[in-house]
Amino acid sequence: MIHASIYGRLAKDTQERTTASGKPMAIASLAVDATPNNAETEETVWVSVLAFGKQAETMARHKKGEMIAATGRFTQSRWTGKDGQERTSLNLIADTIVSSRTVRPGGGRKKAPSPAPDTGFRDDPIPF
């Protein structure tokens, strides 16, 4: 089994489903930048992300174009298309889903800390 972490942009809105047992499920297509260092052309790898339960609910809140990170079990599927060509897909069954919007709701900047209140004390030298 391969456990992987990926970070990419949602190619389209997440599709929500329900399993036969009534558990929430979400499917998304993630464009992951796989460009080697110093490469002249960009390379994108497409990964299908499947999430269940709470992770599915988290992923379902994200829309096309948003960046997410996912970790989980990485699999590869092979099949023959209608045109007779053998095809391959990469899939990640998510254990965790994280995005900047999940970590920091609203996606806004953190506010600068408020200055300390003036207590009336001054930095006067204290003789000893």
N, C-alpha and C. Protein backbone atom coordinates (compact mmCIF):
# COMPACT_ATOMS: atom_id res chain seq x y z
N MET A 1 0.84 -1.17 0.00
CA MET A 1 0.00 0.00 0.00
C MET A 1 0.89 1.23 0.00
N ILE A 2 0.48 2.24 -0.77
CA ILE A 2 1.20 3.50 -0.83
C ILE A 2 0.37 4.55 -0.12
N HIS A 3 0.97 5.23 0.85
CA HIS A 3 0.32 6.34 1.54
C HIS A 3 0.94 7.61 0.99
N ALA A 4 0.11 8.54 0.50
CA ALA A 4 0.63 9.72 -0.17
C ALA A 4 -0.03 10.99 0.33
N SER A 5 0.66 12.10 0.13
CA SER A 5 0.12 13.44 0.37
C SER A 5 0.20 14.19 -0.95
N ILE A 6 -0.91 14.83 -1.34
CA ILE A 6 -0.92 15.60 -2.58
C ILE A 6 -1.50 16.97 -2.31
N TYR A 7 -1.15 17.91 -3.17
CA TYR A 7 -1.62 19.28 -3.06
C TYR A 7 -1.92 19.76 -4.47
N GLY A 8 -3.13 20.23 -4.70
CA GLY A 8 -3.48 20.67 -6.04
C GLY A 8 -4.76 21.47 -6.07
N ARG A 9 -5.19 21.79 -7.29
CA ARG A 9 -6.36 22.63 -7.52
C ARG A 9 -7.52 21.77 -8.01
N LEU A 10 -8.72 22.01 -7.44
CA LEU A 10 -9.90 21.27 -7.87
C LEU A 10 -10.25 21.65 -9.31
N ALA A 11 -10.39 20.64 -10.16
CA ALA A 11 -10.68 20.87 -11.58
C ALA A 11 -12.14 21.22 -11.81
N LYS A 12 -13.02 20.78 -10.92
CA LYS A 12 -14.45 21.10 -11.00
C LYS A 12 -15.03 20.96 -9.61
N ASP A 13 -16.28 21.38 -9.45
CA ASP A 13 -16.93 21.26 -8.15
C ASP A 13 -16.96 19.80 -7.71
N THR A 14 -16.87 19.60 -6.41
CA THR A 14 -16.91 18.26 -5.83
C THR A 14 -18.28 17.63 -6.04
N GLN A 15 -18.30 16.35 -6.39
CA GLN A 15 -19.55 15.62 -6.57
C GLN A 15 -19.88 14.92 -5.25
N GLU A 16 -21.07 15.17 -4.74
CA GLU A 16 -21.49 14.54 -3.49
C GLU A 16 -22.35 13.32 -3.79
N ARG A 17 -22.13 12.26 -3.04
CA ARG A 17 -22.90 11.04 -3.18
C ARG A 17 -23.18 10.47 -1.79
N THR A 18 -23.95 9.41 -1.75
CA THR A 18 -24.21 8.68 -0.51
C THR A 18 -23.97 7.20 -0.79
N THR A 19 -23.26 6.54 0.12
CA THR A 19 -22.99 5.11 -0.06
C THR A 19 -24.27 4.32 0.20
N ALA A 20 -24.26 3.03 -0.13
CA ALA A 20 -25.43 2.17 0.10
C ALA A 20 -25.82 2.11 1.57
N SER A 21 -24.83 2.32 2.45
CA SER A 21 -25.11 2.30 3.90
C SER A 21 -25.53 3.67 4.43
N GLY A 22 -25.64 4.66 3.52
CA GLY A 22 -26.09 6.00 3.93
C GLY A 22 -24.98 6.94 4.37
N LYS A 23 -23.74 6.53 4.19
CA LYS A 23 -22.60 7.35 4.60
C LYS A 23 -22.28 8.37 3.50
N PRO A 24 -21.96 9.64 3.86
CA PRO A 24 -21.62 10.63 2.84
C PRO A 24 -20.32 10.26 2.11
N MET A 25 -20.29 10.58 0.83
CA MET A 25 -19.13 10.29 -0.01
C MET A 25 -18.95 11.48 -0.94
N ALA A 26 -17.71 11.83 -1.25
CA ALA A 26 -17.42 12.92 -2.18
C ALA A 26 -16.31 12.49 -3.12
N ILE A 27 -16.42 12.95 -4.38
CA ILE A 27 -15.43 12.64 -5.41
C ILE A 27 -15.00 13.96 -6.04
N ALA A 28 -13.70 14.11 -6.22
CA ALA A 28 -13.18 15.32 -6.84
C ALA A 28 -12.00 14.97 -7.73
N SER A 29 -11.77 15.81 -8.73
CA SER A 29 -10.62 15.67 -9.61
C SER A 29 -9.64 16.78 -9.26
N LEU A 30 -8.41 16.40 -8.94
CA LEU A 30 -7.40 17.34 -8.49
C LEU A 30 -6.26 17.42 -9.50
N ALA A 31 -5.93 18.64 -9.93
CA ALA A 31 -4.79 18.88 -10.82
C ALA A 31 -3.57 19.14 -9.94
N VAL A 32 -2.60 18.23 -10.00
CA VAL A 32 -1.41 18.32 -9.17
C VAL A 32 -0.21 18.67 -10.05
N ASP A 33 0.51 19.72 -9.67
CA ASP A 33 1.70 20.14 -10.42
C ASP A 33 2.81 19.11 -10.20
N ALA A 34 3.25 18.47 -11.26
CA ALA A 34 4.31 17.47 -11.18
C ALA A 34 5.51 17.89 -12.02
N THR A 35 5.69 19.19 -12.19
CA THR A 35 6.78 19.71 -13.01
C THR A 35 8.11 19.51 -12.29
N PRO A 36 9.06 18.82 -12.92
CA PRO A 36 10.38 18.67 -12.31
C PRO A 36 11.07 20.03 -12.20
N ASN A 37 11.98 20.15 -11.24
CA ASN A 37 12.75 21.38 -11.10
C ASN A 37 13.48 21.71 -12.39
N ASN A 38 13.53 22.97 -12.74
CA ASN A 38 14.23 23.48 -13.92
C ASN A 38 13.65 22.98 -15.25
N ALA A 39 12.42 22.47 -15.24
CA ALA A 39 11.80 22.02 -16.48
C ALA A 39 11.24 23.22 -17.24
N GLU A 40 11.29 23.16 -18.57
CA GLU A 40 10.81 24.26 -19.39
C GLU A 40 9.29 24.22 -19.58
N THR A 41 8.71 23.05 -19.52
CA THR A 41 7.26 22.93 -19.69
C THR A 41 6.64 22.39 -18.41
N GLU A 42 5.42 22.84 -18.14
CA GLU A 42 4.71 22.38 -16.95
C GLU A 42 4.10 21.01 -17.18
N GLU A 43 4.06 20.22 -16.13
CA GLU A 43 3.46 18.89 -16.21
C GLU A 43 2.42 18.77 -15.11
N THR A 44 1.21 18.35 -15.47
CA THR A 44 0.12 18.18 -14.52
C THR A 44 -0.27 16.72 -14.45
N VAL A 45 -0.47 16.24 -13.24
CA VAL A 45 -0.96 14.88 -13.01
C VAL A 45 -2.37 15.03 -12.44
N TRP A 46 -3.31 14.27 -12.99
CA TRP A 46 -4.71 14.31 -12.53
C TRP A 46 -4.94 13.17 -11.58
N VAL A 47 -5.47 13.50 -10.40
CA VAL A 47 -5.73 12.50 -9.37
C VAL A 47 -7.19 12.60 -8.94
N SER A 48 -7.89 11.47 -8.92
CA SER A 48 -9.25 11.44 -8.39
C SER A 48 -9.15 11.26 -6.88
N VAL A 49 -9.83 12.12 -6.15
CA VAL A 49 -9.82 12.04 -4.68
C VAL A 49 -11.20 11.57 -4.23
N LEU A 50 -11.23 10.50 -3.44
CA LEU A 50 -12.47 9.97 -2.87
C LEU A 50 -12.41 10.16 -1.37
N ALA A 51 -13.50 10.68 -0.80
CA ALA A 51 -13.54 10.89 0.65
C ALA A 51 -14.87 10.37 1.18
N PHE A 52 -14.84 9.90 2.42
CA PHE A 52 -16.02 9.34 3.06
C PHE A 52 -16.23 9.98 4.42
N GLY A 53 -17.49 9.99 4.88
CA GLY A 53 -17.81 10.50 6.21
C GLY A 53 -17.49 11.97 6.37
N LYS A 54 -16.83 12.30 7.48
CA LYS A 54 -16.51 13.69 7.80
C LYS A 54 -15.60 14.32 6.73
N GLN A 55 -14.66 13.54 6.21
CA GLN A 55 -13.77 14.08 5.18
C GLN A 55 -14.55 14.41 3.91
N ALA A 56 -15.58 13.63 3.60
CA ALA A 56 -16.43 13.92 2.43
C ALA A 56 -17.17 15.23 2.65
N GLU A 57 -17.65 15.45 3.85
CA GLU A 57 -18.35 16.71 4.15
C GLU A 57 -17.40 17.89 4.03
N THR A 58 -16.16 17.72 4.48
CA THR A 58 -15.15 18.78 4.36
C THR A 58 -14.85 19.07 2.90
N MET A 59 -14.63 18.03 2.11
CA MET A 59 -14.29 18.22 0.70
C MET A 59 -15.45 18.83 -0.08
N ALA A 60 -16.68 18.48 0.29
CA ALA A 60 -17.86 18.97 -0.43
C ALA A 60 -18.04 20.49 -0.30
N ARG A 61 -17.43 21.10 0.70
CA ARG A 61 -17.53 22.55 0.87
C ARG A 61 -16.63 23.32 -0.08
N HIS A 62 -15.77 22.63 -0.81
CA HIS A 62 -14.82 23.29 -1.70
C HIS A 62 -15.30 23.27 -3.14
N LYS A 63 -14.97 24.30 -3.87
CA LYS A 63 -15.45 24.49 -5.24
C LYS A 63 -14.30 24.49 -6.23
N LYS A 64 -14.65 24.45 -7.49
CA LYS A 64 -13.70 24.48 -8.60
C LYS A 64 -12.70 25.61 -8.41
N GLY A 65 -11.43 25.30 -8.62
CA GLY A 65 -10.37 26.29 -8.55
C GLY A 65 -9.69 26.42 -7.21
N GLU A 66 -10.31 25.89 -6.16
CA GLU A 66 -9.71 26.00 -4.83
C GLU A 66 -8.58 24.99 -4.66
N MET A 67 -7.59 25.39 -3.87
CA MET A 67 -6.45 24.53 -3.58
C MET A 67 -6.76 23.70 -2.34
N ILE A 68 -6.48 22.40 -2.42
CA ILE A 68 -6.63 21.54 -1.25
C ILE A 68 -5.43 20.61 -1.14
N ALA A 69 -5.20 20.13 0.05
CA ALA A 69 -4.20 19.10 0.30
C ALA A 69 -4.94 17.88 0.82
N ALA A 70 -4.51 16.71 0.40
CA ALA A 70 -5.15 15.47 0.83
C ALA A 70 -4.08 14.43 1.11
N THR A 71 -4.31 13.61 2.12
CA THR A 71 -3.44 12.48 2.39
C THR A 71 -4.30 11.23 2.46
N GLY A 72 -3.70 10.11 2.12
CA GLY A 72 -4.45 8.86 2.19
C GLY A 72 -3.81 7.77 1.37
N ARG A 73 -4.60 6.73 1.10
CA ARG A 73 -4.13 5.56 0.36
C ARG A 73 -4.17 5.86 -1.13
N PHE A 74 -3.05 5.67 -1.79
CA PHE A 74 -2.89 5.98 -3.21
C PHE A 74 -3.01 4.70 -4.02
N THR A 75 -3.87 4.70 -5.03
CA THR A 75 -4.06 3.51 -5.88
C THR A 75 -4.00 3.90 -7.35
N GLN A 76 -3.83 2.91 -8.17
CA GLN A 76 -3.81 3.10 -9.63
C GLN A 76 -4.77 2.09 -10.24
N SER A 77 -5.61 2.57 -11.17
CA SER A 77 -6.56 1.69 -11.85
C SER A 77 -6.23 1.66 -13.34
N ARG A 78 -6.43 0.51 -13.95
CA ARG A 78 -6.23 0.36 -15.41
C ARG A 78 -7.50 -0.21 -16.01
N TRP A 79 -7.84 0.26 -17.19
CA TRP A 79 -9.01 -0.25 -17.91
C TRP A 79 -8.83 0.02 -19.39
N THR A 80 -9.66 -0.61 -20.19
CA THR A 80 -9.63 -0.41 -21.64
C THR A 80 -10.82 0.46 -22.01
N GLY A 81 -10.53 1.57 -22.69
CA GLY A 81 -11.57 2.50 -23.10
C GLY A 81 -12.37 1.96 -24.27
N LYS A 82 -13.45 2.68 -24.62
CA LYS A 82 -14.30 2.27 -25.74
C LYS A 82 -13.53 2.24 -27.05
N ASP A 83 -12.47 3.04 -27.13
CA ASP A 83 -11.66 3.08 -28.35
C ASP A 83 -10.60 1.98 -28.40
N GLY A 84 -10.58 1.11 -27.36
CA GLY A 84 -9.63 0.01 -27.34
C GLY A 84 -8.30 0.36 -26.70
N GLN A 85 -8.09 1.62 -26.34
CA GLN A 85 -6.84 2.06 -25.72
C GLN A 85 -6.85 1.74 -24.22
N GLU A 86 -5.70 1.26 -23.73
CA GLU A 86 -5.59 1.02 -22.30
C GLU A 86 -5.39 2.36 -21.59
N ARG A 87 -6.11 2.55 -20.52
CA ARG A 87 -6.06 3.82 -19.78
C ARG A 87 -5.67 3.54 -18.32
N THR A 88 -5.14 4.58 -17.68
CA THR A 88 -4.72 4.49 -16.29
C THR A 88 -5.27 5.69 -15.54
N SER A 89 -5.71 5.48 -14.32
CA SER A 89 -6.13 6.61 -13.48
C SER A 89 -5.46 6.46 -12.12
N LEU A 90 -5.18 7.60 -11.51
CA LEU A 90 -4.60 7.65 -10.18
C LEU A 90 -5.69 8.09 -9.20
N ASN A 91 -5.78 7.41 -8.07
CA ASN A 91 -6.83 7.67 -7.10
C ASN A 91 -6.23 7.80 -5.71
N LEU A 92 -6.80 8.69 -4.91
CA LEU A 92 -6.40 8.83 -3.52
C LEU A 92 -7.66 8.71 -2.67
N ILE A 93 -7.67 7.74 -1.77
CA ILE A 93 -8.78 7.58 -0.83
C ILE A 93 -8.36 8.35 0.42
N ALA A 94 -8.99 9.51 0.61
CA ALA A 94 -8.52 10.49 1.59
C ALA A 94 -8.78 10.12 3.03
N ASP A 95 -7.74 10.28 3.84
CA ASP A 95 -7.86 10.20 5.29
C ASP A 95 -8.04 11.61 5.86
N THR A 96 -7.39 12.58 5.20
CA THR A 96 -7.50 13.98 5.62
C THR A 96 -7.64 14.89 4.41
N ILE A 97 -8.39 15.96 4.58
CA ILE A 97 -8.55 17.01 3.57
C ILE A 97 -8.31 18.33 4.28
N VAL A 98 -7.41 19.16 3.73
CA VAL A 98 -7.10 20.44 4.34
C VAL A 98 -6.99 21.48 3.24
N SER A 99 -7.48 22.69 3.51
CA SER A 99 -7.27 23.81 2.60
C SER A 99 -7.04 25.06 3.43
N SER A 100 -6.59 26.11 2.79
CA SER A 100 -6.39 27.36 3.52
C SER A 100 -7.72 27.85 4.08
N ARG A 101 -8.81 27.59 3.38
CA ARG A 101 -10.13 28.01 3.85
C ARG A 101 -10.56 27.16 5.04
N THR A 102 -10.16 25.89 5.07
CA THR A 102 -10.49 25.03 6.19
C THR A 102 -9.69 25.44 7.42
N VAL A 103 -8.42 25.74 7.21
CA VAL A 103 -7.54 26.11 8.30
C VAL A 103 -7.89 27.49 8.83
N ARG A 104 -8.15 28.43 7.91
CA ARG A 104 -8.47 29.80 8.28
C ARG A 104 -9.78 30.18 7.59
N PRO A 105 -10.93 29.91 8.24
CA PRO A 105 -12.22 30.20 7.61
C PRO A 105 -12.28 31.63 7.08
N GLY A 106 -12.84 31.78 5.91
CA GLY A 106 -12.93 33.09 5.27
C GLY A 106 -11.72 33.38 4.41
N GLY A 107 -10.63 32.65 4.63
CA GLY A 107 -9.43 32.82 3.81
C GLY A 107 -8.74 34.15 3.99
N GLY A 108 -9.17 34.93 4.98
CA GLY A 108 -8.61 36.26 5.18
C GLY A 108 -7.27 36.24 5.88
N ARG A 109 -6.67 37.41 5.92
CA ARG A 109 -5.40 37.55 6.62
C ARG A 109 -5.65 37.56 8.12
N LYS A 110 -4.65 37.15 8.86
CA LYS A 110 -4.75 37.24 10.31
C LYS A 110 -4.64 38.70 10.70
N LYS A 111 -5.39 39.08 11.71
CA LYS A 111 -5.31 40.45 12.22
C LYS A 111 -4.03 40.61 13.01
N ALA A 112 -3.45 41.81 12.93
CA ALA A 112 -2.27 42.10 13.74
C ALA A 112 -2.69 42.13 15.20
N PRO A 113 -1.82 41.69 16.10
CA PRO A 113 -2.19 41.71 17.51
C PRO A 113 -2.42 43.14 17.98
N SER A 114 -3.36 43.30 18.88
CA SER A 114 -3.64 44.62 19.43
C SER A 114 -2.48 45.06 20.31
N PRO A 115 -2.20 46.37 20.34
CA PRO A 115 -1.12 46.83 21.22
C PRO A 115 -1.53 46.62 22.68
N ALA A 116 -0.53 46.46 23.52
CA ALA A 116 -0.80 46.27 24.94
C ALA A 116 -1.44 47.53 25.51
N PRO A 117 -2.39 47.37 26.41
CA PRO A 117 -3.04 48.55 26.99
C PRO A 117 -2.06 49.35 27.83
N ASP A 118 -2.29 50.67 27.90
CA ASP A 118 -1.43 51.55 28.69
C ASP A 118 -1.84 51.41 30.14
N THR A 119 -0.94 50.88 30.95
CA THR A 119 -1.24 50.66 32.36
C THR A 119 -0.79 51.83 33.24
N GLY A 120 -0.14 52.82 32.67
CA GLY A 120 0.32 53.95 33.45
C GLY A 120 1.72 53.76 33.99
N PHE A 121 2.27 52.56 33.94
CA PHE A 121 3.62 52.33 34.43
C PHE A 121 4.61 52.73 33.36
N ARG A 122 5.70 53.28 33.80
CA ARG A 122 6.76 53.70 32.87
C ARG A 122 8.02 52.93 33.17
N ASP A 123 8.91 52.94 32.22
CA ASP A 123 10.20 52.26 32.39
C ASP A 123 11.19 53.17 33.14
N ASP A 124 10.78 53.64 34.34
CA ASP A 124 11.69 54.48 35.14
C ASP A 124 12.73 53.58 35.78
N PRO A 125 13.97 54.10 35.82
CA PRO A 125 14.99 53.30 36.50
C PRO A 125 14.66 53.18 37.99
N ILE A 126 14.84 52.01 38.51
CA ILE A 126 14.56 51.77 39.92
C ILE A 126 15.90 51.63 40.64
N PRO A 127 16.19 52.56 41.57
CA PRO A 127 17.47 52.45 42.28
C PRO A 127 17.44 51.29 43.28
N PHE A 128 18.53 50.57 43.38
CA PHE A 128 18.64 49.47 44.35
C PHE A 128 19.70 49.76 45.34
